[in-house]
PDB file of N, CA and C in Angstrom:
ATOM      1  N   MET A   1     -28.381 -35.379 -45.852  1.00  0.00           N
ATOM      2  CA  MET A   1     -28.128 -36.809 -45.050  1.00  0.00           C
ATOM      3  C   MET A   1     -27.800 -35.932 -43.855  1.00  0.00           C
ATOM      4  N   HIS A   2     -28.424 -36.147 -42.613  1.00  0.00           N
ATOM      5  CA  HIS A   2     -28.588 -36.173 -41.348  1.00  0.00           C
ATOM      6  C   HIS A   2     -28.228 -36.548 -40.731  1.00  0.00           C
ATOM      7  N   ARG A   3     -27.393 -36.656 -40.090  1.00  0.00           N
ATOM      8  CA  ARG A   3     -26.565 -37.912 -38.646  1.00  0.00           C
ATOM      9  C   ARG A   3     -27.519 -37.347 -37.181  1.00  0.00           C
ATOM     10  N   SER A   4     -27.956 -38.470 -36.746  1.00  0.00           N
ATOM     11  CA  SER A   4     -28.473 -38.352 -35.936  1.00  0.00           C
ATOM     12  C   SER A   4     -27.594 -38.801 -34.784  1.00  0.00           C
ATOM     13  N   VAL A   5     -27.538 -37.822 -33.409  1.00  0.00           N
ATOM     14  CA  VAL A   5     -27.418 -37.452 -32.480  1.00  0.00           C
ATOM     15  C   VAL A   5     -27.544 -38.548 -31.343  1.00  0.00           C
ATOM     16  N   PRO A   6     -26.652 -38.917 -30.623  1.00  0.00           N
ATOM     17  CA  PRO A   6     -27.817 -40.029 -29.298  1.00  0.00           C
ATOM     18  C   PRO A   6     -27.998 -38.967 -28.215  1.00  0.00           C
ATOM     19  N   LEU A   7     -29.431 -39.397 -27.944  1.00  0.00           N
ATOM     20  CA  LEU A   7     -29.611 -38.314 -27.158  1.00  0.00           C
ATOM     21  C   LEU A   7     -29.550 -37.634 -26.235  1.00  0.00           C
ATOM     22  N   GLY A   8     -28.298 -38.612 -25.164  1.00  0.00           N
ATOM     23  CA  GLY A   8     -28.131 -38.286 -24.443  1.00  0.00           C
ATOM     24  C   GLY A   8     -26.561 -37.299 -24.503  1.00  0.00           C
ATOM     25  N   ALA A   9     -25.966 -37.589 -25.788  1.00  0.00           N
ATOM     26  CA  ALA A   9     -25.137 -36.591 -26.017  1.00  0.00           C
ATOM     27  C   ALA A   9     -25.425 -35.785 -26.199  1.00  0.00           C
ATOM     28  N   ALA A  10     -26.713 -35.321 -26.749  1.00  0.00           N
ATOM     29  CA  ALA A  10     -27.527 -34.112 -27.407  1.00  0.00           C
ATOM     30  C   ALA A  10     -27.610 -32.733 -26.021  1.00  0.00           C
ATOM     31  N   VAL A  11     -27.666 -33.806 -24.821  1.00  0.00           N
ATOM     32  CA  VAL A  11     -28.551 -33.142 -23.489  1.00  0.00           C
ATOM     33  C   VAL A  11     -27.635 -32.616 -23.048  1.00  0.00           C
ATOM     34  N   ARG A  12     -26.147 -33.672 -23.102  1.00  0.00           N
ATOM     35  CA  ARG A  12     -24.773 -33.418 -22.233  1.00  0.00           C
ATOM     36  C   ARG A  12     -23.938 -31.955 -23.016  1.00  0.00           C
ATOM     37  N   ARG A  13     -24.195 -31.928 -24.224  1.00  0.00           N
ATOM     38  CA  ARG A  13     -24.295 -30.444 -25.852  1.00  0.00           C
ATOM     39  C   ARG A  13     -24.712 -29.208 -25.147  1.00  0.00           C
ATOM     40  N   ARG A  14     -25.954 -29.497 -25.245  1.00  0.00           N
ATOM     41  CA  ARG A  14     -26.874 -28.348 -24.459  1.00  0.00           C
ATOM     42  C   ARG A  14     -26.718 -27.882 -23.265  1.00  0.00           C
ATOM     43  N   ALA A  15     -26.192 -28.820 -22.284  1.00  0.00           N
ATOM     44  CA  ALA A  15     -26.053 -28.393 -21.050  1.00  0.00           C
ATOM     45  C   ALA A  15     -24.664 -27.660 -20.812  1.00  0.00           C
ATOM     46  N   PHE A  16     -23.557 -28.309 -21.503  1.00  0.00           N
ATOM     47  CA  PHE A  16     -22.270 -27.619 -21.351  1.00  0.00           C
ATOM     48  C   PHE A  16     -22.455 -26.287 -22.154  1.00  0.00           C
ATOM     49  N   VAL A  17     -23.060 -25.977 -23.372  1.00  0.00           N
ATOM     50  CA  VAL A  17     -23.414 -24.534 -23.735  1.00  0.00           C
ATOM     51  C   VAL A  17     -23.524 -24.202 -22.911  1.00  0.00           C
ATOM     52  N   LYS A  18     -24.540 -24.526 -22.260  1.00  0.00           N
ATOM     53  CA  LYS A  18     -25.667 -23.358 -21.698  1.00  0.00           C
ATOM     54  C   LYS A  18     -24.394 -22.696 -20.242  1.00  0.00           C
ATOM     55  N   ASN A  19     -23.759 -24.166 -19.668  1.00  0.00           N
ATOM     56  CA  ASN A  19     -23.016 -23.777 -18.451  1.00  0.00           C
ATOM     57  C   ASN A  19     -21.950 -22.826 -19.051  1.00  0.00           C
ATOM     58  N   LEU A  20     -21.435 -23.016 -20.026  1.00  0.00           N
ATOM     59  CA  LEU A  20     -20.538 -22.096 -21.366  1.00  0.00           C
ATOM     60  C   LEU A  20     -20.830 -20.101 -20.928  1.00  0.00           C
ATOM     61  N   ALA A  21     -22.182 -20.358 -22.040  1.00  0.00           N
ATOM     62  CA  ALA A  21     -22.368 -19.401 -21.980  1.00  0.00           C
ATOM     63  C   ALA A  21     -22.719 -18.391 -20.417  1.00  0.00           C
ATOM     64  N   MET A  22     -23.482 -19.254 -19.215  1.00  0.00           N
ATOM     65  CA  MET A  22     -23.437 -19.031 -18.091  1.00  0.00           C
ATOM     66  C   MET A  22     -21.924 -18.078 -17.395  1.00  0.00           C
ATOM     67  N   ALA A  23     -21.011 -19.121 -18.004  1.00  0.00           N
ATOM     68  CA  ALA A  23     -19.948 -18.413 -16.587  1.00  0.00           C
ATOM     69  C   ALA A  23     -19.119 -17.040 -17.546  1.00  0.00           C
ATOM     70  N   ALA A  24     -19.711 -17.266 -19.006  1.00  0.00           N
ATOM     71  CA  ALA A  24     -19.064 -16.180 -19.849  1.00  0.00           C
ATOM     72  C   ALA A  24     -19.672 -14.620 -19.356  1.00  0.00           C
ATOM     73  N   ALA A  25     -21.457 -15.312 -19.366  1.00  0.00           N
ATOM     74  CA  ALA A  25     -21.890 -14.180 -18.596  1.00  0.00           C
ATOM     75  C   ALA A  25     -21.373 -13.792 -17.287  1.00  0.00           C
ATOM     76  N   MET A  26     -21.503 -14.068 -16.691  1.00  0.00           N
ATOM     77  CA  MET A  26     -20.983 -14.127 -15.010  1.00  0.00           C
ATOM     78  C   MET A  26     -19.130 -13.387 -15.068  1.00  0.00           C
ATOM     79  N   THR A  27     -18.224 -13.850 -15.689  1.00  0.00           N
ATOM     80  CA  THR A  27     -17.239 -13.204 -16.412  1.00  0.00           C
ATOM     81  C   THR A  27     -17.423 -11.848 -16.331  1.00  0.00           C
ATOM     82  N   ALA A  28     -18.065 -11.514 -17.163  1.00  0.00           N
ATOM     83  CA  ALA A  28     -18.569  -9.891 -17.876  1.00  0.00           C
ATOM     84  C   ALA A  28     -18.866  -9.031 -16.865  1.00  0.00           C
ATOM     85  N   VAL A  29     -19.793 -10.077 -16.195  1.00  0.00           N
ATOM     86  CA  VAL A  29     -20.443  -9.119 -14.930  1.00  0.00           C
ATOM     87  C   VAL A  29     -19.060  -8.922 -13.694  1.00  0.00           C
ATOM     88  N   LEU A  30     -18.470  -9.815 -13.126  1.00  0.00           N
ATOM     89  CA  LEU A  30     -17.849  -9.635 -12.041  1.00  0.00           C
ATOM     90  C   LEU A  30     -16.889  -8.342 -12.383  1.00  0.00           C
ATOM     91  N   PRO A  31     -16.615  -8.113 -12.715  1.00  0.00           N
ATOM     92  CA  PRO A  31     -14.967  -7.118 -12.819  1.00  0.00           C
ATOM     93  C   PRO A  31     -15.653  -5.583 -12.652  1.00  0.00           C
ATOM     94  N   LEU A  32     -17.193  -5.208 -13.582  1.00  0.00           N
ATOM     95  CA  LEU A  32     -17.853  -4.404 -13.428  1.00  0.00           C
ATOM     96  C   LEU A  32     -18.253  -4.482 -11.634  1.00  0.00           C
ATOM     97  N   ARG A  33     -18.581  -5.609 -11.271  1.00  0.00           N
ATOM     98  CA  ARG A  33     -18.997  -5.159  -9.659  1.00  0.00           C
ATOM     99  C   ARG A  33     -18.159  -4.969  -8.905  1.00  0.00           C
ATOM    100  N   ARG A  34     -17.278  -5.619  -8.917  1.00  0.00           N
ATOM    101  CA  ARG A  34     -15.775  -5.580  -8.150  1.00  0.00           C
ATOM    102  C   ARG A  34     -15.315  -3.919  -8.255  1.00  0.00           C
ATOM    103  N   SER A  35     -15.342  -3.378  -9.504  1.00  0.00           N
ATOM    104  CA  SER A  35     -14.868  -2.026 -10.046  1.00  0.00           C
ATOM    105  C   SER A  35     -15.565  -1.338  -9.377  1.00  0.00           C
ATOM    106  N   GLN A  36     -16.732  -1.228  -9.073  1.00  0.00           N
ATOM    107  CA  GLN A  36     -17.995  -0.745  -7.983  1.00  0.00           C
ATOM    108  C   GLN A  36     -17.410  -0.462  -7.029  1.00  0.00           C
ATOM    109  N   ALA A  37     -17.643  -1.353  -6.639  1.00  0.00           N
ATOM    110  CA  ALA A  37     -17.231  -1.738  -4.953  1.00  0.00           C
ATOM    111  C   ALA A  37     -16.107  -0.892  -3.825  1.00  0.00           C
ATOM    112  N   SER A  38     -15.352  -1.010  -4.636  1.00  0.00           N
ATOM    113  CA  SER A  38     -13.854  -0.685  -4.629  1.00  0.00           C
ATOM    114  C   SER A  38     -14.171   1.053  -4.290  1.00  0.00           C
ATOM    115  N   GLU A  39     -13.215   1.774  -3.098  1.00  0.00           N
ATOM    116  CA  GLU A  39     -12.992   3.215  -3.376  1.00  0.00           C
ATOM    117  C   GLU A  39     -12.013   3.769  -4.101  1.00  0.00           C
ATOM    118  N   PRO A  40     -12.379   4.794  -4.275  1.00  0.00           N
ATOM    119  CA  PRO A  40     -11.694   5.749  -5.167  1.00  0.00           C
ATOM    120  C   PRO A  40     -10.528   5.477  -3.945  1.00  0.00           C
ATOM    121  N   PRO A  41      -8.770   5.872  -4.694  1.00  0.00           N
ATOM    122  CA  PRO A  41      -7.766   6.252  -3.706  1.00  0.00           C
ATOM    123  C   PRO A  41      -7.376   7.503  -2.722  1.00  0.00           C
ATOM    124  N   HIS A  42      -6.638   7.307  -1.772  1.00  0.00           N
ATOM    125  CA  HIS A  42      -6.846   8.207  -0.657  1.00  0.00           C
ATOM    126  C   HIS A  42      -5.625   9.862  -1.723  1.00  0.00           C
ATOM    127  N   LEU A  43      -5.985  10.710  -1.109  1.00  0.00           N
ATOM    128  CA  LEU A  43      -5.261  12.003  -1.630  1.00  0.00           C
ATOM    129  C   LEU A  43      -3.744  12.063  -1.427  1.00  0.00           C
ATOM    130  N   GLU A  44      -3.063  11.451  -1.924  1.00  0.00           N
ATOM    131  CA  GLU A  44      -1.248  11.495  -1.498  1.00  0.00           C
ATOM    132  C   GLU A  44      -1.575  13.529  -1.086  1.00  0.00           C
ATOM    133  N   VAL A  45      -0.634  13.628  -0.059  1.00  0.00           N
ATOM    134  CA  VAL A  45      -0.380  14.906  -0.368  1.00  0.00           C
ATOM    135  C   VAL A  45       0.669  15.658  -0.599  1.00  0.00           C
ATOM    136  N   LYS A  46       1.956  14.862  -1.632  1.00  0.00           N
ATOM    137  CA  LYS A  46       2.504  15.181  -2.941  1.00  0.00           C
ATOM    138  C   LYS A  46       1.672  15.452  -4.018  1.00  0.00           C
ATOM    139  N   ASP A  47       0.450  14.922  -4.202  1.00  0.00           N
ATOM    140  CA  ASP A  47      -0.045  15.169  -5.604  1.00  0.00           C
ATOM    141  C   ASP A  47       0.150  16.369  -5.499  1.00  0.00           C
ATOM    142  N   PRO A  48       0.119  16.151  -7.098  1.00  0.00           N
ATOM    143  CA  PRO A  48       0.091  18.221  -7.430  1.00  0.00           C
ATOM    144  C   PRO A  48      -1.116  18.945  -6.932  1.00  0.00           C
ATOM    145  N   ALA A  49      -2.221  18.574  -7.434  1.00  0.00           N
ATOM    146  CA  ALA A  49      -3.119  19.406  -6.779  1.00  0.00           C
ATOM    147  C   ALA A  49      -3.579  19.691  -5.268  1.00  0.00           C
ATOM    148  N   ALA A  50      -2.827  18.693  -4.110  1.00  0.00           N
ATOM    149  CA  ALA A  50      -3.191  18.325  -3.151  1.00  0.00           C
ATOM    150  C   ALA A  50      -1.928  20.008  -2.937  1.00  0.00           C
ATOM    151  N   SER A  51      -0.665  19.470  -3.000  1.00  0.00           N
ATOM    152  CA  SER A  51       0.648  20.470  -2.979  1.00  0.00           C
ATOM    153  C   SER A  51       0.031  21.710  -3.708  1.00  0.00           C
ATOM    154  N   ALA A  52      -0.739  22.611  -4.527  1.00  0.00           N
ATOM    155  CA  ALA A  52      -1.358  23.924  -4.742  1.00  0.00           C
ATOM    156  C   ALA A  52      -1.917  24.322  -3.692  1.00  0.00           C
ATOM    157  N   LEU A  53      -2.750  23.187  -3.143  1.00  0.00           N
ATOM    158  CA  LEU A  53      -3.757  23.636  -2.522  1.00  0.00           C
ATOM    159  C   LEU A  53      -3.062  23.809  -0.871  1.00  0.00           C
ATOM    160  N   GLY A  54      -1.941  22.796  -0.016  1.00  0.00           N
ATOM    161  CA  GLY A  54      -1.438  23.140   0.915  1.00  0.00           C
ATOM    162  C   GLY A  54      -2.122  22.116   1.350  1.00  0.00           C
ATOM    163  N   TYR A  55      -3.232  21.114   0.970  1.00  0.00           N
ATOM    164  CA  TYR A  55      -3.156  19.969   1.462  1.00  0.00           C
ATOM    165  C   TYR A  55      -2.447  19.252   2.982  1.00  0.00           C
ATOM    166  N   VAL A  56      -3.212  18.843   3.300  1.00  0.00           N
ATOM    167  CA  VAL A  56      -2.639  18.079   5.016  1.00  0.00           C
ATOM    168  C   VAL A  56      -3.553  16.987   5.405  1.00  0.00           C
ATOM    169  N   GLU A  57      -3.167  15.447   5.463  1.00  0.00           N
ATOM    170  CA  GLU A  57      -4.216  14.411   6.408  1.00  0.00           C
ATOM    171  C   GLU A  57      -4.518  15.219   8.073  1.00  0.00           C
ATOM    172  N   ASP A  58      -3.063  15.797   8.631  1.00  0.00           N
ATOM    173  CA  ASP A  58      -3.971  16.242   9.943  1.00  0.00           C
ATOM    174  C   ASP A  58      -3.668  17.899  10.274  1.00  0.00           C
ATOM    175  N   VAL A  59      -4.685  18.548  10.891  1.00  0.00           N
ATOM    176  CA  VAL A  59      -4.589  19.524  10.313  1.00  0.00           C
ATOM    177  C   VAL A  59      -3.457  19.778  11.349  1.00  0.00           C
ATOM    178  N   ALA A  60      -3.043  19.107  12.038  1.00  0.00           N
ATOM    179  CA  ALA A  60      -1.537  19.889  13.000  1.00  0.00           C
ATOM    180  C   ALA A  60      -0.593  19.873  12.007  1.00  0.00           C
ATOM    181  N   GLN A  61      -0.499  19.811  11.189  1.00  0.00           N
ATOM    182  CA  GLN A  61       0.981  19.746  10.439  1.00  0.00           C
ATOM    183  C   GLN A  61       0.247  21.628   9.172  1.00  0.00           C
ATOM    184  N   VAL A  62      -0.484  21.886   9.167  1.00  0.00           N
ATOM    185  CA  VAL A  62      -0.660  22.983   8.938  1.00  0.00           C
ATOM    186  C   VAL A  62       0.175  24.063   8.759  1.00  0.00           C
ATOM    187  N   GLU A  63       1.021  24.782   7.647  1.00  0.00           N
ATOM    188  CA  GLU A  63       2.186  25.348   7.958  1.00  0.00           C
ATOM    189  C   GLU A  63       1.357  26.480   7.653  1.00  0.00           C
ATOM    190  N   LEU A  64       1.533  27.807   9.081  1.00  0.00           N
ATOM    191  CA  LEU A  64       0.619  28.750   9.775  1.00  0.00           C
ATOM    192  C   LEU A  64       1.567  30.058   8.949  1.00  0.00           C
ATOM    193  N   LYS A  65       2.678  30.080   8.987  1.00  0.00           N
ATOM    194  CA  LYS A  65       3.540  30.641   8.326  1.00  0.00           C
ATOM    195  C   LYS A  65       3.238  30.954   6.729  1.00  0.00           C
ATOM    196  N   LYS A  66       3.055  30.026   6.182  1.00  0.00           N
ATOM    197  CA  LYS A  66       2.473  29.826   4.927  1.00  0.00           C
ATOM    198  C   LYS A  66       0.653  30.207   4.284  1.00  0.00           C
ATOM    199  N   TYR A  67       0.210  29.924   5.323  1.00  0.00           N
ATOM    200  CA  TYR A  67      -1.533  29.327   5.520  1.00  0.00           C
ATOM    201  C   TYR A  67      -1.906  30.492   6.320  1.00  0.00           C
ATOM    202  N   PRO A  68      -1.322  31.614   6.625  1.00  0.00           N
ATOM    203  CA  PRO A  68      -2.481  32.606   7.483  1.00  0.00           C
ATOM    204  C   PRO A  68      -3.586  33.058   7.304  1.00  0.00           C
ATOM    205  N   ALA A  69      -4.307  32.199   6.419  1.00  0.00           N
ATOM    206  CA  ALA A  69      -5.541  32.541   6.522  1.00  0.00           C
ATOM    207  C   ALA A  69      -6.573  31.565   6.897  1.00  0.00           C
ATOM    208  N   TYR A  70      -5.468  30.375   7.321  1.00  0.00           N
ATOM    209  CA  TYR A  70      -5.946  29.187   8.767  1.00  0.00           C
ATOM    210  C   TYR A  70      -6.622  29.906   9.490  1.00  0.00           C
ATOM    211  N   ILE A  71      -8.093  29.104   9.925  1.00  0.00           N
ATOM    212  CA  ILE A  71      -8.928  29.198  11.082  1.00  0.00           C
ATOM    213  C   ILE A  71      -9.176  28.413  12.022  1.00  0.00           C
ATOM    214  N   LYS A  72      -8.742  28.472  13.024  1.00  0.00           N
ATOM    215  CA  LYS A  72      -8.538  27.565  14.351  1.00  0.00           C
ATOM    216  C   LYS A  72      -9.858  26.593  13.877  1.00  0.00           C
ATOM    217  N   GLY A  73      -9.412  25.524  14.138  1.00  0.00           N
ATOM    218  CA  GLY A  73     -10.745  24.468  13.824  1.00  0.00           C
ATOM    219  C   GLY A  73     -11.308  23.967  12.938  1.00  0.00           C
ATOM    220  N   SER A  74     -10.951  24.480  12.003  1.00  0.00           N
ATOM    221  CA  SER A  74     -11.637  24.163  10.783  1.00  0.00           C
ATOM    222  C   SER A  74     -10.394  23.050  10.144  1.00  0.00           C
ATOM    223  N   THR A  75     -11.567  21.716   9.281  1.00  0.00           N
ATOM    224  CA  THR A  75     -10.627  20.636   8.817  1.00  0.00           C
ATOM    225  C   THR A  75     -11.917  20.188   7.626  1.00  0.00           C
ATOM    226  N   CYS A  76     -11.378  19.265   6.876  1.00  0.00           N
ATOM    227  CA  CYS A  76     -12.130  18.940   6.199  1.00  0.00           C
ATOM    228  C   CYS A  76     -13.403  18.324   6.585  1.00  0.00           C
ATOM    229  N   GLU A  77     -13.216  18.061   7.589  1.00  0.00           N
ATOM    230  CA  GLU A  77     -14.622  17.455   7.997  1.00  0.00           C
ATOM    231  C   GLU A  77     -15.677  18.372   8.282  1.00  0.00           C
ATOM    232  N   ASN A  78     -15.261  19.898   8.880  1.00  0.00           N
ATOM    233  CA  ASN A  78     -16.375  20.864   8.971  1.00  0.00           C
ATOM    234  C   ASN A  78     -16.465  22.026   7.476  1.00  0.00           C
ATOM    235  N   CYS A  79     -15.924  21.402   6.414  1.00  0.00           N
ATOM    236  CA  CYS A  79     -16.006  22.175   4.788  1.00  0.00           C
ATOM    237  C   CYS A  79     -16.826  22.314   3.799  1.00  0.00           C
ATOM    238  N   LEU A  80     -17.357  23.214   3.711  1.00  0.00           N
ATOM    239  CA  LEU A  80     -18.473  22.891   2.708  1.00  0.00           C
ATOM    240  C   LEU A  80     -17.933  22.126   1.433  1.00  0.00           C
ATOM    241  N   LEU A  81     -17.172  21.420   0.840  1.00  0.00           N
ATOM    242  CA  LEU A  81     -16.679  20.910   0.012  1.00  0.00           C
ATOM    243  C   LEU A  81     -16.662  19.534   0.055  1.00  0.00           C
ATOM    244  N   LEU A  82     -16.537  19.016   1.478  1.00  0.00           N
ATOM    245  CA  LEU A  82     -16.949  17.406   1.304  1.00  0.00           C
ATOM    246  C   LEU A  82     -18.177  17.157   1.099  1.00  0.00           C
ATOM    247  N   GLN A  83     -17.912  15.770   0.545  1.00  0.00           N
ATOM    248  CA  GLN A  83     -18.879  15.560   0.494  1.00  0.00           C
ATOM    249  C   GLN A  83     -18.893  13.739   0.965  1.00  0.00           C
ATOM    250  N   GLY A  84     -19.961  12.850   0.759  1.00  0.00           N
ATOM    251  CA  GLY A  84     -19.689  11.627   1.577  1.00  0.00           C
ATOM    252  C   GLY A  84     -20.804  11.508   2.738  1.00  0.00           C
ATOM    253  N   THR A  85     -20.178  10.448   2.951  1.00  0.00           N
ATOM    254  CA  THR A  85     -21.553   9.683   4.100  1.00  0.00           C
ATOM    255  C   THR A  85     -20.381  10.211   5.861  1.00  0.00           C
ATOM    256  N   THR A  86     -20.973  10.656   6.536  1.00  0.00           N
ATOM    257  CA  THR A  86     -20.263  11.616   7.478  1.00  0.00           C
ATOM    258  C   THR A  86     -20.757   9.966   8.388  1.00  0.00           C
ATOM    259  N   GLY A  87     -19.765  10.161   8.929  1.00  0.00           N
ATOM    260  CA  GLY A  87     -18.655   9.102  10.117  1.00  0.00           C
ATOM    261  C   GLY A  87     -17.555   8.244   9.701  1.00  0.00           C
ATOM    262  N   ALA A  88     -17.529   8.611   7.660  1.00  0.00           N
ATOM    263  CA  ALA A  88     -16.531   7.926   7.321  1.00  0.00           C
ATOM    264  C   ALA A  88     -15.049   8.934   7.644  1.00  0.00           C
ATOM    265  N   HIS A  89     -13.678   8.154   7.848  1.00  0.00           N
ATOM    266  CA  HIS A  89     -12.886   9.173   7.751  1.00  0.00           C
ATOM    267  C   HIS A  89     -11.979   9.585   6.829  1.00  0.00           C
ATOM    268  N   TYR A  90     -12.081   8.578   5.496  1.00  0.00           N
ATOM    269  CA  TYR A  90     -11.967   9.596   4.366  1.00  0.00           C
ATOM    270  C   TYR A  90     -13.077   8.974   3.628  1.00  0.00           C
ATOM    271  N   ARG A  91     -13.425  10.523   2.713  1.00  0.00           N
ATOM    272  CA  ARG A  91     -14.493  10.734   2.039  1.00  0.00           C
ATOM    273  C   ARG A  91     -14.194  11.956   0.551  1.00  0.00           C
ATOM    274  N   PRO A  92     -15.461  11.870  -0.229  1.00  0.00           N
ATOM    275  CA  PRO A  92     -14.894  12.593  -1.205  1.00  0.00           C
ATOM    276  C   PRO A  92     -14.565  14.095  -1.094  1.00  0.00           C
ATOM    277  N   CYS A  93     -14.234  15.084  -1.588  1.00  0.00           N
ATOM    278  CA  CYS A  93     -14.402  16.301  -1.848  1.00  0.00           C
ATOM    279  C   CYS A  93     -14.218  16.655  -3.018  1.00  0.00           C
ATOM    280  N   SER A  94     -14.938  17.851  -3.516  1.00  0.00           N
ATOM    281  CA  SER A  94     -15.251  18.293  -4.699  1.00  0.00           C
ATOM    282  C   SER A  94     -13.594  19.138  -5.582  1.00  0.00           C
ATOM    283  N   LEU A  95     -12.894  19.495  -4.552  1.00  0.00           N
ATOM    284  CA  LEU A  95     -11.965  20.165  -5.217  1.00  0.00           C
ATOM    285  C   LEU A  95     -10.956  19.247  -5.775  1.00  0.00           C
ATOM    286  N   PHE A  96     -11.094  17.786  -5.116  1.00  0.00           N
ATOM    287  CA  PHE A  96     -10.215  16.577  -5.508  1.00  0.00           C
ATOM    288  C   PHE A  96     -10.545  15.533  -6.318  1.00  0.00           C
ATOM    289  N   PRO A  97     -11.689  15.597  -7.318  1.00  0.00           N
ATOM    290  CA  PRO A  97     -12.465  14.821  -8.129  1.00  0.00           C
ATOM    291  C   PRO A  97     -11.442  13.250  -8.026  1.00  0.00           C
ATOM    292  N   GLY A  98     -11.961  11.915  -7.958  1.00  0.00           N
ATOM    293  CA  GLY A  98     -11.359  10.780  -7.815  1.00  0.00           C
ATOM    294  C   GLY A  98     -10.757  10.825  -7.200  1.00  0.00           C
ATOM    295  N   LYS A  99     -10.766  11.192  -5.624  1.00  0.00           N
ATOM    296  CA  LYS A  99      -9.693  11.279  -4.331  1.00  0.00           C
ATOM    297  C   LYS A  99     -10.342  10.771  -3.410  1.00  0.00           C
ATOM    298  N   LEU A 100     -10.153  10.875  -2.219  1.00  0.00           N
ATOM    299  CA  LEU A 100     -10.427  10.502  -0.413  1.00  0.00           C
ATOM    300  C   LEU A 100      -9.991  11.537  -0.089  1.00  0.00           C
ATOM    301  N   VAL A 101     -10.867  12.792   0.498  1.00  0.00           N
ATOM    302  CA  VAL A 101      -9.425  13.458   1.747  1.00  0.00           C
ATOM    303  C   VAL A 101      -9.860  12.934   2.743  1.00  0.00           C
ATOM    304  N   SER A 102      -8.374  13.293   4.042  1.00  0.00           N
ATOM    305  CA  SER A 102      -8.794  12.604   5.207  1.00  0.00           C
ATOM    306  C   SER A 102      -9.623  14.073   5.744  1.00  0.00           C
ATOM    307  N   VAL A 103     -10.552  13.424   7.087  1.00  0.00           N
ATOM    308  CA  VAL A 103     -11.856  14.489   7.393  1.00  0.00           C
ATOM    309  C   VAL A 103     -10.978  15.208   8.391  1.00  0.00           C
ATOM    310  N   SER A 104      -9.778  15.290   8.905  1.00  0.00           N
ATOM    311  CA  SER A 104      -9.086  15.406  10.082  1.00  0.00           C
ATOM    312  C   SER A 104      -8.038  16.347   9.094  1.00  0.00           C
ATOM    313  N   GLY A 105      -7.804  16.527   7.792  1.00  0.00           N
ATOM    314  CA  GLY A 105      -6.519  17.610   6.982  1.00  0.00           C
ATOM    315  C   GLY A 105      -7.443  18.709   6.987  1.00  0.00           C
ATOM    316  N   TRP A 106      -6.972  19.263   5.710  1.00  0.00           N
ATOM    317  CA  TRP A 106      -7.136  20.556   5.451  1.00  0.00           C
ATOM    318  C   TRP A 106      -6.496  20.960   4.401  1.00  0.00           C
ATOM    319  N   CYS A 107      -6.812  22.269   3.839  1.00  0.00           N
ATOM    320  CA  CYS A 107      -6.230  22.472   2.553  1.00  0.00           C
ATOM    321  C   CYS A 107      -6.649  24.461   2.684  1.00  0.00           C
ATOM    322  N   SER A 108      -5.987  25.137   1.576  1.00  0.00           N
ATOM    323  CA  SER A 108      -6.792  26.482   1.238  1.00  0.00           C
ATOM    324  C   SER A 108      -7.774  26.571   0.833  1.00  0.00           C
ATOM    325  N   GLY A 109      -8.496  25.538   0.174  1.00  0.00           N
ATOM    326  CA  GLY A 109      -9.877  25.813  -0.315  1.00  0.00           C
ATOM    327  C   GLY A 109     -10.622  25.469   0.598  1.00  0.00           C
ATOM    328  N   TRP A 110     -10.733  25.254   1.777  1.00  0.00           N
ATOM    329  CA  TRP A 110     -11.551  25.196   3.103  1.00  0.00           C
ATOM    330  C   TRP A 110     -12.634  26.363   2.792  1.00  0.00           C
ATOM    331  N   SER A 111     -13.913  25.805   3.005  1.00  0.00           N
ATOM    332  CA  SER A 111     -15.349  26.611   3.018  1.00  0.00           C
ATOM    333  C   SER A 111     -15.967  26.317   4.142  1.00  0.00           C
ATOM    334  N   ALA A 112     -16.441  27.126   4.672  1.00  0.00           N
ATOM    335  CA  ALA A 112     -17.182  26.504   6.297  1.00  0.00           C
ATOM    336  C   ALA A 112     -18.379  26.612   5.207  1.00  0.00           C
ATOM    337  N   GLU A 113     -18.972  25.292   6.528  1.00  0.00           N
ATOM    338  CA  GLU A 113     -20.240  24.879   5.888  1.00  0.00           C
ATOM    339  C   GLU A 113     -21.372  26.044   6.340  1.00  0.00           C
ATOM    340  N   ILE A 114     -22.244  25.940   5.590  1.00  0.00           N
ATOM    341  CA  ILE A 114     -23.388  27.379   5.573  1.00  0.00           C
ATOM    342  C   ILE A 114     -23.996  26.670   6.588  1.00  0.00           C
TER     343      ILE A 114
END
């Protein structure tokens, strides 16, 4: 026994199911797009990895007695390990994966650009 559904109700039901499927797809994609667009956190000077290498966000804060190998004028900006796009104030560094360092900063892992 087959029940017939009025044509208008069937069309509304199909439209509802189609819209529901589209909404589900969009909610699945939107969080992914947001997470790709957000930038990694800035490296905190109190982070254990940062502390171990004497990272500072401003090169003027380098403790010269503690880091006598510091070379005047060396900053994250002119370090071989700095990555990312020139011009950004915070950029990725291969020493601190998943974090951004200040281009005005310095750490004992500094390596001269070639």
